[in-house]
Amino acid sequence: MTAYDDMMAYVHDTQALAQVAGRLGWDQETMMPPGAAPQRGEEMAALEKVLHARRTDARVGDWLADIDAASLDPVGQAQVREVRRSFERASKVPADLAATLARVTSTAQGKWAQARADDDYAAFAPVLAEVIGLKRQEGAALAAGKDVYDAMLEDYEPGTTSADLEAMFGALRPELTALRAAILEKPAPAAVTGRFDETAQLTLSTLLAETFGYDTEHGRIDKAVHPFSSGSGLDVRITTRTNEADPFNCFYSTIHEVGHACYEQNIDRAYHLTPLGSGVSMGVHESQSRIYENQLARSKAFTGWLYGKMRDAFGDFGIASEDAFYAAVNRVSDGYIRTEADEVQYNLHVLLRFDLERALMSGDLTVNDLEAAWNDRFLADFGYAVDKPSNGVLQDVHWSVGLFGYFPTYSLGNVYAGCLNEALRIAVPDLDSQLARGETGAATGWLQSNLQTHGGLYAPREIIKRASGVEPGPEPLLAYLKAKFSGIYDL
C-alpha cells in the first residue's frame, strides 16, 4: 500500500461518516419528532467531533507530505488537492468550536422553524446572535488575518471572493432593475385559479422528477418546510412542499431540487465516497437546479407539455391555451418569497441577502437591527413593505444553520446556467421540439456528460468553462432574460 492508497482508504471512511451526518440533517427536516431537537443537537455535535478529529488527524498531513503528486494521474492529483484543502481548513478550526457550532445550529434550526410559524423574530434573535458569534470565530480562524467573509465563501465557492461577486452583481442589478420596471408597466398575464389537490400535486411532481431523470431507486421525495436536496452517490434525497392555491410552488421546487439531485446521482461512481464524489461547489450545483427549473422546465416548449398534464390532473384551472399557460408560469409579480420569485426578480432577493450577511459578519449590522434593515432594503428594492417576518427576515433557513457565504451562490448559479444554456442549445438544435414532447434526455444527458459526471474533478469556473466554452460572466443570462420576457410582455 502506498501513502496515497492509505490516505484514500482513510478518507473513504470519513466521507461515509459525513454522509451519515447528512442523513441526520435530512431526518431532522422531514421525520424527526419536534421534541427530539435537543438530543439531535447532541448527536450532531458528537458526530462532528469525530469528523473534525478525522479531518485533522496528523496522519493525513503525513500522507500528504509523502505523496508525490506529480506521479499521479489527473484524478489522483485532484483527490490530493481536495484532501489537502480540507485538512488545512479543518486544522485551523478548534475542535470544540466545530462541535459547538454543530450543536447550536442544530438547535437553532428548530427555533427558526417555530419563530417562522409564530411570526416572531424576537424569539429567534438570541440564538441567531449565538450562531453569528460562533461563525465569526470560525471565519476569523479560517481567514488567518485576511477577509473573514472571503474565508466563508471558500466553503461554498472555492476560488471566489466578495470582490468578484460585487463586480458580477454590480453588472446584474441595474439591468435586472430596468427589465423589472419595464415589465411591471405592462398588463400582467392571467394567473392559474382554483384549488389544487395536494395528492394530485405530489403525483404530478413525482412524474416531473422522473421526467427530468431523478432515479427513485436511489432517492426519495418527501415534504419539508423549506425544499432541499441532500446526500450523494447511491442515496440522494429531495423534499418539496405544497400549496393548494399554487401548484407551481410544488412543481418547480421539485424540478429545482431534482437538478441538484441528478448532479449528485450522475457523478462517476468511481468517485463515490471520495472528495470528488460530490458537486464541486454550490454555484455549480445551483447552475444545475436553475437550468432544470428555468431554461428547461419554464421554456415555452416544456410548459406546453406540462399544460396537458395539468389539465389531465386538475381539469379547468382558468387558463385557456398553452401560450397563456406559458405566460402564467413565467408571470412577473410582486412577492416576498425568494424561492417563489420569478426569474427576473429572483437575483434581487439574493443580492439583498448578500449585502446583509456581509454586514452581519463584519459587525456593521447587529442582530437586533437586522429585521429593520431587511425591511428597509426590501422596500427600497421592491417598492412595497414586508407585511410579516415569515415573509421577510424569517423566510430562509440558511442563517439559522450557519450558512453564511451560501446565498450569493444562488445568483452565481444563475450566471453559470446562462452560460450552459447557450452551449446546450447549440449542441442540441432541436431541443424545443424534444421538450414539447416532454423529452428531456438530450438536455440532461448533455449536462451529465459535460459537467455532472466529473463531480469535484475540476475547479468551479473551470468546469463551467469546459462545458460552455466561455469564461463565466453575466452576459448570457441577461441576454436570455431580456429575450424571454420581451417576448412574453411585448417589450
Protein backbone atom coordinates (compact mmCIF):
# COMPACT_ATOMS: atom_id res chain seq x y z
CA MET A 1 0.00 0.00 0.00
CA THR A 2 1.29 3.45 -0.92
CA ALA A 3 0.76 6.64 1.11
CA TYR A 4 -1.88 7.63 -1.44
CA ASP A 5 -3.73 4.32 -1.01
CA ASP A 6 -3.61 4.58 2.78
CA MET A 7 -4.87 8.15 2.67
CA MET A 8 -7.75 7.37 0.31
CA ALA A 9 -8.89 4.38 2.40
CA TYR A 10 -8.97 6.63 5.46
CA VAL A 11 -10.77 9.43 3.61
CA HIS A 12 -13.33 6.92 2.31
CA ASP A 13 -14.46 6.21 5.87
CA THR A 14 -14.52 9.93 6.71
CA GLN A 15 -16.73 10.59 3.70
CA ALA A 16 -19.05 7.75 4.72
CA LEU A 17 -19.44 9.23 8.20
CA ALA A 18 -20.15 12.65 6.67
CA GLN A 19 -22.98 11.05 4.70
CA VAL A 20 -24.40 9.72 7.98
CA ALA A 21 -24.30 13.26 9.41
CA GLY A 22 -26.15 14.48 6.34
CA ARG A 23 -28.80 11.82 6.81
CA LEU A 24 -29.36 13.07 10.37
CA GLY A 25 -29.96 16.53 8.93
CA TRP A 26 -32.42 15.15 6.39
CA ASP A 27 -34.30 13.31 9.12
CA GLN A 28 -34.46 16.46 11.24
CA GLU A 29 -36.21 18.31 8.43
CA THR A 30 -38.62 15.56 7.41
CA MET A 31 -39.42 12.96 10.06
CA MET A 32 -37.86 13.77 13.44
CA PRO A 33 -40.38 14.47 16.19
CA PRO A 34 -40.09 18.12 17.26
CA GLY A 35 -39.34 17.22 20.86
CA ALA A 36 -36.17 15.41 19.80
CA ALA A 37 -34.35 18.61 18.82
CA PRO A 38 -32.15 18.94 21.95
CA GLN A 39 -30.97 15.34 21.67
CA ARG A 40 -30.38 15.68 17.95
CA GLY A 41 -28.15 18.66 18.67
CA GLU A 42 -26.03 16.48 20.97
CA GLU A 43 -25.90 13.72 18.35
CA MET A 44 -24.78 16.15 15.66
CA ALA A 45 -22.14 17.64 17.97
CA ALA A 46 -20.78 14.19 18.85
CA LEU A 47 -20.55 13.19 15.20
CA GLU A 48 -18.92 16.49 14.28
CA LYS A 49 -16.23 15.86 16.92
CA VAL A 50 -15.46 12.54 15.25
CA LEU A 51 -15.41 14.07 11.76
CA HIS A 52 -13.26 17.01 12.83
CA ALA A 53 -10.76 14.67 14.51
CA ARG A 54 -10.53 12.56 11.37
CA ARG A 55 -10.15 15.55 9.06
CA THR A 56 -7.33 16.99 11.19
CA ASP A 57 -5.60 13.71 12.07
CA ALA A 58 -1.81 14.12 11.86
CA ARG A 59 -1.63 11.03 9.66
CA VAL A 60 -3.43 12.94 6.90
CA GLY A 61 -0.68 15.55 6.97
CA ASP A 62 1.97 12.82 6.92
CA TRP A 63 0.38 11.09 3.96
CA LEU A 64 0.12 14.36 2.06
CA ALA A 65 3.80 15.03 2.72
CA ASP A 66 4.78 11.57 1.49
CA ILE A 67 2.74 11.61 -1.73
CA ASP A 68 4.47 12.64 -4.94
CA ALA A 69 1.52 14.29 -6.65
CA ALA A 70 3.42 14.56 -9.95
CA SER A 71 3.42 10.76 -10.18
CA LEU A 72 -0.38 10.58 -10.03
CA ASP A 73 -2.90 10.80 -12.85
CA PRO A 74 -5.19 13.87 -13.02
CA VAL A 75 -7.84 12.18 -10.86
CA GLY A 76 -5.30 11.33 -8.19
CA GLN A 77 -3.91 14.84 -8.26
CA ALA A 78 -7.41 16.26 -7.83
CA GLN A 79 -8.07 13.91 -4.90
CA VAL A 80 -4.87 15.08 -3.21
CA ARG A 81 -5.76 18.71 -3.88
CA GLU A 82 -9.14 18.32 -2.20
CA VAL A 83 -7.83 16.32 0.76
CA ARG A 84 -5.15 18.94 1.33
CA ARG A 85 -7.69 21.75 1.15
CA SER A 86 -9.97 20.02 3.66
CA PHE A 87 -7.09 19.19 6.00
CA GLU A 88 -5.68 22.70 6.01
CA ARG A 89 -9.07 24.35 6.55
CA ALA A 90 -10.22 21.94 9.24
CA SER A 91 -6.90 22.25 11.06
CA LYS A 92 -7.49 25.98 11.53
CA VAL A 93 -10.77 25.46 13.39
CA PRO A 94 -10.61 24.30 17.04
CA ALA A 95 -12.41 21.01 17.63
CA ASP A 96 -14.54 22.46 20.44
CA LEU A 97 -15.70 25.27 18.18
CA ALA A 98 -16.66 22.84 15.40
CA ALA A 99 -18.68 20.71 17.84
CA THR A 100 -20.36 23.73 19.42
CA LEU A 101 -21.35 25.04 16.01
CA ALA A 102 -22.90 21.69 15.12
CA ARG A 103 -24.86 21.62 18.37
CA VAL A 104 -26.04 25.23 18.27
CA THR A 105 -27.04 25.26 14.60
CA SER A 106 -28.99 22.01 15.02
CA THR A 107 -30.94 23.58 17.86
CA ALA A 108 -31.26 26.92 16.09
CA GLN A 109 -32.89 25.28 13.10
CA GLY A 110 -35.83 24.17 15.24
CA LYS A 111 -36.10 27.57 16.90
CA TRP A 112 -36.12 29.24 13.49
CA ALA A 113 -38.94 26.96 12.31
CA GLN A 114 -41.02 27.78 15.37
CA ALA A 115 -40.31 31.53 15.15
CA ARG A 116 -41.25 31.47 11.48
CA ALA A 117 -44.52 29.71 12.26
CA ASP A 118 -45.23 32.26 15.02
CA ASP A 119 -44.00 35.28 13.02
CA ASP A 120 -41.82 36.17 15.99
CA TYR A 121 -38.35 37.41 15.05
CA ALA A 122 -37.60 38.42 18.66
CA ALA A 123 -37.86 34.78 19.71
CA PHE A 124 -35.24 33.78 17.14
CA ALA A 125 -32.85 36.70 17.54
CA PRO A 126 -30.92 35.40 20.60
CA VAL A 127 -29.99 32.07 19.02
CA LEU A 128 -29.18 33.80 15.71
CA ALA A 129 -26.80 36.09 17.62
CA GLU A 130 -25.16 33.00 19.10
CA VAL A 131 -24.77 31.40 15.66
CA ILE A 132 -23.28 34.59 14.23
CA GLY A 133 -20.82 34.90 17.11
CA LEU A 134 -19.63 31.33 16.54
CA LYS A 135 -19.42 31.82 12.76
CA ARG A 136 -17.31 34.94 13.25
CA GLN A 137 -14.92 32.91 15.38
CA GLU A 138 -14.77 30.21 12.73
CA GLY A 139 -14.34 32.76 9.95
CA ALA A 140 -11.52 34.53 11.79
CA ALA A 141 -9.74 31.20 12.32
CA LEU A 142 -10.07 30.30 8.63
CA ALA A 143 -9.14 33.77 7.38
CA ALA A 144 -5.90 33.92 9.38
CA GLY A 145 -5.82 37.71 9.17
CA LYS A 146 -7.44 38.01 5.75
CA ASP A 147 -11.07 38.81 4.88
CA VAL A 148 -13.47 36.79 7.06
CA TYR A 149 -16.32 36.73 4.54
CA ASP A 150 -13.97 35.57 1.77
CA ALA A 151 -12.92 32.72 4.05
CA MET A 152 -16.58 31.76 4.45
CA LEU A 153 -17.16 31.84 0.69
CA GLU A 154 -14.44 29.20 0.29
CA ASP A 155 -16.75 26.64 1.89
CA TYR A 156 -19.29 27.07 -0.91
CA GLU A 157 -17.48 28.51 -3.95
CA PRO A 158 -13.73 27.86 -3.80
CA GLY A 159 -11.70 30.49 -5.60
CA THR A 160 -14.36 33.22 -5.50
CA THR A 161 -14.06 36.41 -3.45
CA SER A 162 -16.58 39.02 -2.38
CA ALA A 163 -14.87 41.44 -4.78
CA ASP A 164 -15.58 39.02 -7.66
CA LEU A 165 -19.20 38.81 -6.62
CA GLU A 166 -19.58 42.56 -6.15
CA ALA A 167 -18.40 43.11 -9.72
CA MET A 168 -20.73 40.47 -11.13
CA PHE A 169 -23.72 41.56 -9.09
CA GLY A 170 -22.97 45.19 -9.90
CA ALA A 171 -23.43 44.30 -13.56
CA LEU A 172 -26.63 42.37 -12.89
CA ARG A 173 -28.50 44.77 -10.63
CA PRO A 174 -29.14 47.75 -12.98
CA GLU A 175 -30.07 45.51 -15.90
CA LEU A 176 -32.49 43.44 -13.82
CA THR A 177 -33.99 46.53 -12.20
CA ALA A 178 -34.61 48.14 -15.60
CA LEU A 179 -36.13 44.94 -17.02
CA ARG A 180 -38.36 44.57 -13.96
CA ALA A 181 -39.57 48.17 -14.29
CA ALA A 182 -40.39 47.73 -17.99
CA ILE A 183 -42.31 44.52 -17.32
CA LEU A 184 -44.36 45.92 -14.44
CA GLU A 185 -45.60 48.73 -16.69
CA LYS A 186 -47.34 46.08 -18.81
CA PRO A 187 -50.56 44.21 -18.01
CA ALA A 188 -49.87 41.04 -16.04
CA PRO A 189 -50.81 37.71 -17.65
CA ALA A 190 -53.66 35.78 -16.09
CA ALA A 191 -52.72 33.51 -13.20
CA VAL A 192 -53.99 30.00 -12.53
CA THR A 193 -57.07 29.90 -10.28
CA GLY A 194 -58.78 27.29 -8.15
CA ARG A 195 -57.80 24.75 -5.51
CA PHE A 196 -55.28 22.08 -6.43
CA ASP A 197 -55.49 18.82 -4.51
CA GLU A 198 -52.28 18.05 -2.61
CA THR A 199 -52.23 14.36 -3.52
CA ALA A 200 -52.60 15.20 -7.21
CA GLN A 201 -49.81 17.78 -6.93
CA LEU A 202 -47.45 15.26 -5.38
CA THR A 203 -48.33 12.66 -8.01
CA LEU A 204 -47.56 15.07 -10.83
CA SER A 205 -44.41 16.34 -9.10
CA THR A 206 -43.14 12.75 -8.94
CA LEU A 207 -43.79 12.40 -12.68
CA LEU A 208 -41.84 15.62 -13.26
CA ALA A 209 -38.95 14.37 -11.14
CA GLU A 210 -38.75 11.17 -13.16
CA THR A 211 -39.17 13.10 -16.43
CA PHE A 212 -36.01 15.04 -15.58
CA GLY A 213 -34.08 11.88 -14.78
CA TYR A 214 -34.34 11.55 -10.99
CA ASP A 215 -33.58 7.93 -10.06
CA THR A 216 -36.09 6.95 -7.38
CA GLU A 217 -34.31 3.62 -6.87
CA HIS A 218 -31.54 5.67 -5.29
CA GLY A 219 -33.60 8.56 -3.98
CA ARG A 220 -36.88 9.61 -2.42
CA ILE A 221 -39.19 12.63 -2.29
CA ASP A 222 -40.59 13.94 0.98
CA LYS A 223 -42.23 17.13 2.23
CA ALA A 224 -40.43 19.85 4.20
CA VAL A 225 -40.98 23.49 5.15
CA HIS A 226 -38.01 24.50 3.01
CA PRO A 227 -37.31 22.28 -0.05
CA PHE A 228 -33.79 20.87 -0.21
CA SER A 229 -31.62 18.09 -1.62
CA SER A 230 -29.19 16.03 0.42
CA GLY A 231 -26.87 13.08 0.01
CA SER A 232 -24.71 11.85 -2.84
CA GLY A 233 -23.89 8.69 -4.72
CA LEU A 234 -26.42 5.92 -4.22
CA ASP A 235 -28.60 7.75 -1.67
CA VAL A 236 -29.78 11.20 -2.78
CA ARG A 237 -32.96 12.63 -1.25
CA ILE A 238 -35.09 15.64 -2.08
CA THR A 239 -38.03 17.41 -0.48
CA THR A 240 -40.77 19.61 -1.85
CA ARG A 241 -43.77 21.48 -0.46
CA THR A 242 -47.37 22.08 -1.50
CA ASN A 243 -49.79 25.00 -1.57
CA GLU A 244 -53.35 24.23 -2.61
CA ALA A 245 -53.67 27.63 -4.28
CA ASP A 246 -50.31 27.48 -6.11
CA PRO A 247 -49.28 24.18 -7.72
CA PHE A 248 -46.22 25.79 -9.34
CA ASN A 249 -44.66 26.06 -5.88
CA CYS A 250 -44.64 22.27 -5.67
CA PHE A 251 -43.77 21.52 -9.30
CA TYR A 252 -40.89 23.93 -9.72
CA SER A 253 -39.48 23.32 -6.24
CA THR A 254 -39.39 19.64 -7.15
CA ILE A 255 -37.69 20.23 -10.51
CA HIS A 256 -35.21 22.61 -8.86
CA GLU A 257 -34.20 20.01 -6.27
CA VAL A 258 -34.07 17.32 -8.96
CA GLY A 259 -31.40 19.41 -10.68
CA HIS A 260 -29.32 19.23 -7.51
CA ALA A 261 -30.08 15.55 -7.01
CA CYS A 262 -29.26 14.50 -10.58
CA TYR A 263 -25.89 16.22 -10.31
CA GLU A 264 -25.10 14.02 -7.31
CA GLN A 265 -26.59 10.86 -8.82
CA ASN A 266 -24.75 11.25 -12.11
CA ILE A 267 -21.23 11.69 -10.72
CA ASP A 268 -18.84 8.96 -11.88
CA ARG A 269 -19.33 6.07 -9.45
CA ALA A 270 -15.56 5.63 -9.22
CA TYR A 271 -15.59 8.87 -7.19
CA HIS A 272 -18.20 7.77 -4.65
CA LEU A 273 -17.18 8.36 -1.01
CA THR A 274 -14.12 10.33 -2.09
CA PRO A 275 -13.55 14.10 -2.11
CA LEU A 276 -14.50 14.15 -5.81
CA GLY A 277 -17.78 12.32 -5.20
CA SER A 278 -20.00 15.36 -4.76
CA GLY A 279 -20.68 18.62 -6.57
CA VAL A 280 -17.64 20.85 -6.83
CA SER A 281 -19.33 23.99 -5.47
CA MET A 282 -22.71 25.38 -4.57
CA GLY A 283 -22.58 27.78 -7.51
CA VAL A 284 -22.10 24.90 -9.94
CA HIS A 285 -24.73 22.93 -8.04
CA GLU A 286 -27.14 25.81 -8.38
CA SER A 287 -26.43 26.02 -12.10
CA GLN A 288 -27.92 22.57 -12.44
CA SER A 289 -31.03 23.24 -10.36
CA ARG A 290 -31.66 26.55 -12.12
CA ILE A 291 -31.18 25.31 -15.67
CA TYR A 292 -33.51 22.37 -14.97
CA GLU A 293 -36.10 24.64 -13.36
CA ASN A 294 -35.91 27.68 -15.62
CA GLN A 295 -34.28 27.31 -19.03
CA LEU A 296 -35.76 23.84 -19.49
CA ALA A 297 -38.92 23.50 -17.37
CA ARG A 298 -40.16 27.09 -17.77
CA SER A 299 -39.48 27.13 -21.51
CA LYS A 300 -42.40 27.64 -23.88
CA ALA A 301 -41.85 24.18 -25.30
CA PHE A 302 -41.93 22.31 -21.99
CA THR A 303 -44.78 24.32 -20.48
CA GLY A 304 -46.86 23.32 -23.49
CA TRP A 305 -46.37 19.67 -22.49
CA LEU A 306 -46.96 20.46 -18.80
CA TYR A 307 -50.21 22.27 -19.66
CA GLY A 308 -51.68 19.00 -20.91
CA LYS A 309 -50.59 17.16 -17.78
CA MET A 310 -52.10 19.90 -15.62
CA ARG A 311 -55.44 19.68 -17.38
CA ASP A 312 -55.42 15.89 -17.02
CA ALA A 313 -54.77 16.21 -13.28
CA PHE A 314 -56.91 19.23 -12.37
CA GLY A 315 -59.34 19.92 -15.19
CA ASP A 316 -60.09 23.59 -15.90
CA PHE A 317 -57.92 25.98 -13.87
CA GLY A 318 -58.63 29.27 -15.61
CA ILE A 319 -56.02 29.12 -18.39
CA ALA A 320 -57.37 28.64 -21.88
CA SER A 321 -54.29 27.88 -24.00
CA GLU A 322 -50.67 26.74 -23.98
CA ASP A 323 -49.48 30.27 -24.73
CA ALA A 324 -51.45 31.66 -21.79
CA PHE A 325 -50.11 28.90 -19.58
CA TYR A 326 -46.51 29.74 -20.58
CA ALA A 327 -47.16 33.36 -19.60
CA ALA A 328 -48.75 32.26 -16.31
CA VAL A 329 -45.78 30.06 -15.41
CA ASN A 330 -43.41 32.96 -16.08
CA ARG A 331 -45.61 35.68 -14.62
CA VAL A 332 -43.65 38.56 -13.04
CA SER A 333 -45.48 39.82 -9.97
CA ASP A 334 -44.97 41.20 -6.52
CA GLY A 335 -43.98 38.69 -3.89
CA TYR A 336 -41.94 38.35 -0.75
CA ILE A 337 -40.54 34.83 -1.01
CA ARG A 338 -37.20 34.22 -2.74
CA THR A 339 -37.93 30.59 -3.61
CA GLU A 340 -41.20 31.59 -5.29
CA ALA A 341 -39.77 34.58 -7.17
CA ASP A 342 -39.81 34.81 -10.96
CA GLU A 343 -36.57 34.72 -12.92
CA VAL A 344 -36.36 38.49 -13.30
CA GLN A 345 -36.66 39.31 -9.61
CA TYR A 346 -35.02 36.26 -8.05
CA ASN A 347 -31.50 37.64 -8.09
CA LEU A 348 -32.63 40.88 -6.45
CA HIS A 349 -33.71 38.77 -3.47
CA VAL A 350 -30.26 37.17 -3.36
CA LEU A 351 -28.40 40.45 -3.60
CA LEU A 352 -30.32 41.76 -0.59
CA ARG A 353 -29.18 38.79 1.50
CA PHE A 354 -25.59 39.02 0.22
CA ASP A 355 -25.27 42.59 1.42
CA LEU A 356 -26.98 41.98 4.77
CA GLU A 357 -24.97 38.91 5.70
CA ARG A 358 -21.69 40.61 4.89
CA ALA A 359 -22.74 43.45 7.19
CA LEU A 360 -23.61 40.92 9.91
CA MET A 361 -20.24 39.22 9.63
CA SER A 362 -18.28 42.47 9.63
CA GLY A 363 -20.18 43.80 12.64
CA ASP A 364 -21.64 46.72 10.71
CA LEU A 365 -25.12 45.31 11.35
CA THR A 366 -26.38 43.82 14.62
CA VAL A 367 -28.90 41.04 15.03
CA ASN A 368 -31.24 43.43 16.85
CA ASP A 369 -31.23 45.75 13.83
CA LEU A 370 -31.44 43.02 11.21
CA GLU A 371 -35.22 42.89 10.84
CA ALA A 372 -35.48 46.66 10.32
CA ALA A 373 -32.54 46.62 7.89
CA TRP A 374 -34.17 43.80 5.92
CA ASN A 375 -37.50 45.64 5.75
CA ASP A 376 -35.88 48.93 4.71
CA ARG A 377 -33.84 47.27 1.98
CA PHE A 378 -36.80 45.28 0.70
CA LEU A 379 -38.93 48.39 0.45
CA ALA A 380 -36.16 50.20 -1.43
CA ASP A 381 -35.54 47.30 -3.85
CA PHE A 382 -39.11 46.13 -4.47
CA GLY A 383 -41.26 49.16 -3.74
CA TYR A 384 -43.59 47.70 -1.12
CA ALA A 385 -43.31 46.84 2.56
CA VAL A 386 -42.77 43.46 4.18
CA ASP A 387 -46.01 42.50 5.95
CA LYS A 388 -44.72 39.91 8.45
CA PRO A 389 -41.42 38.28 9.49
CA SER A 390 -42.18 34.95 7.81
CA ASN A 391 -42.31 36.85 4.51
CA GLY A 392 -39.14 38.73 5.40
CA VAL A 393 -36.20 38.05 7.62
CA LEU A 394 -37.50 34.65 8.81
CA GLN A 395 -38.29 33.13 5.43
CA ASP A 396 -34.96 31.32 4.84
CA VAL A 397 -33.40 28.56 6.93
CA HIS A 398 -29.80 29.33 5.94
CA TRP A 399 -28.64 31.71 8.66
CA SER A 400 -30.10 29.52 11.41
CA VAL A 401 -27.81 26.67 10.34
CA GLY A 402 -24.76 28.89 9.86
CA LEU A 403 -24.69 29.01 6.07
CA PHE A 404 -23.06 32.43 5.73
CA GLY A 405 -21.49 32.81 2.28
CA TYR A 406 -24.06 30.46 0.75
CA PHE A 407 -26.65 32.93 -0.57
CA PRO A 408 -24.52 34.52 -3.33
CA THR A 409 -24.01 31.10 -4.91
CA TYR A 410 -27.68 31.16 -5.95
CA SER A 411 -27.09 34.10 -8.27
CA LEU A 412 -23.72 32.74 -9.31
CA GLY A 413 -25.55 29.56 -10.29
CA ASN A 414 -27.94 31.58 -12.43
CA VAL A 415 -24.97 33.17 -14.20
CA TYR A 416 -23.42 29.74 -14.79
CA ALA A 417 -26.76 28.38 -16.02
CA GLY A 418 -26.96 31.19 -18.57
CA CYS A 419 -23.59 30.14 -19.99
CA LEU A 420 -24.54 26.47 -20.05
CA ASN A 421 -27.90 27.15 -21.72
CA GLU A 422 -26.26 28.92 -24.65
CA ALA A 423 -23.93 25.97 -25.23
CA LEU A 424 -26.70 23.41 -24.75
CA ARG A 425 -28.90 24.99 -27.40
CA ILE A 426 -26.04 24.91 -29.89
CA ALA A 427 -25.31 21.27 -29.05
CA VAL A 428 -28.99 20.21 -29.24
CA PRO A 429 -30.54 22.35 -32.01
CA ASP A 430 -33.93 20.58 -31.85
CA LEU A 431 -34.15 20.93 -28.07
CA ASP A 432 -37.51 22.72 -28.13
CA SER A 433 -39.20 20.06 -30.23
CA GLN A 434 -37.99 17.43 -27.74
CA LEU A 435 -39.13 19.42 -24.70
CA ALA A 436 -42.54 19.92 -26.31
CA ARG A 437 -42.92 16.13 -26.14
CA GLY A 438 -41.81 16.03 -22.51
CA GLU A 439 -38.47 14.54 -23.53
CA THR A 440 -35.56 15.93 -21.52
CA GLY A 441 -32.99 13.19 -22.12
CA ALA A 442 -30.88 15.05 -24.67
CA ALA A 443 -30.61 18.10 -22.43
CA THR A 444 -29.99 16.27 -19.17
CA GLY A 445 -27.64 13.85 -20.95
CA TRP A 446 -25.57 16.76 -22.26
CA LEU A 447 -25.35 18.22 -18.77
CA GLN A 448 -24.41 14.85 -17.34
CA SER A 449 -21.60 14.14 -19.79
CA ASN A 450 -20.23 17.68 -19.91
CA LEU A 451 -20.49 18.60 -16.24
CA GLN A 452 -22.19 16.29 -13.75
CA THR A 453 -20.13 13.15 -14.23
CA HIS A 454 -16.93 15.00 -13.26
CA GLY A 455 -18.03 15.74 -9.70
CA GLY A 456 -15.24 17.65 -7.97
CA LEU A 457 -12.56 16.87 -10.54
CA TYR A 458 -12.29 20.43 -11.88
CA ALA A 459 -12.45 23.79 -10.14
CA PRO A 460 -15.86 25.56 -10.32
CA ARG A 461 -15.14 28.12 -13.01
CA GLU A 462 -13.05 25.61 -14.93
CA ILE A 463 -15.87 23.09 -15.26
CA ILE A 464 -18.30 25.79 -16.40
CA LYS A 465 -15.79 26.98 -19.00
CA ARG A 466 -15.11 23.41 -20.15
CA ALA A 467 -18.83 22.71 -20.55
CA SER A 468 -19.92 26.03 -22.04
CA GLY A 469 -16.78 27.06 -23.91
CA VAL A 470 -16.84 30.57 -22.43
CA GLU A 471 -15.44 32.31 -19.38
CA PRO A 472 -18.34 32.61 -16.90
CA GLY A 473 -20.00 36.04 -16.97
CA PRO A 474 -23.48 37.57 -16.65
CA GLU A 475 -23.99 38.44 -20.33
CA PRO A 476 -25.62 35.15 -21.46
CA LEU A 477 -28.05 35.20 -18.53
CA LEU A 478 -29.06 38.80 -19.20
CA ALA A 479 -29.50 38.13 -22.93
CA TYR A 480 -31.70 35.10 -22.16
CA LEU A 481 -33.87 37.01 -19.69
CA LYS A 482 -34.32 40.01 -21.97
CA ALA A 483 -35.28 37.85 -24.95
CA LYS A 484 -37.67 35.65 -22.98
CA PHE A 485 -39.53 38.35 -21.11
CA SER A 486 -39.59 40.78 -24.02
CA GLY A 487 -41.49 38.09 -25.87
CA ILE A 488 -43.92 37.38 -23.05
CA TYR A 489 -44.60 41.06 -22.23
CA ASP A 490 -44.21 42.55 -25.72
CA LEU A 491 -41.45 44.92 -24.63
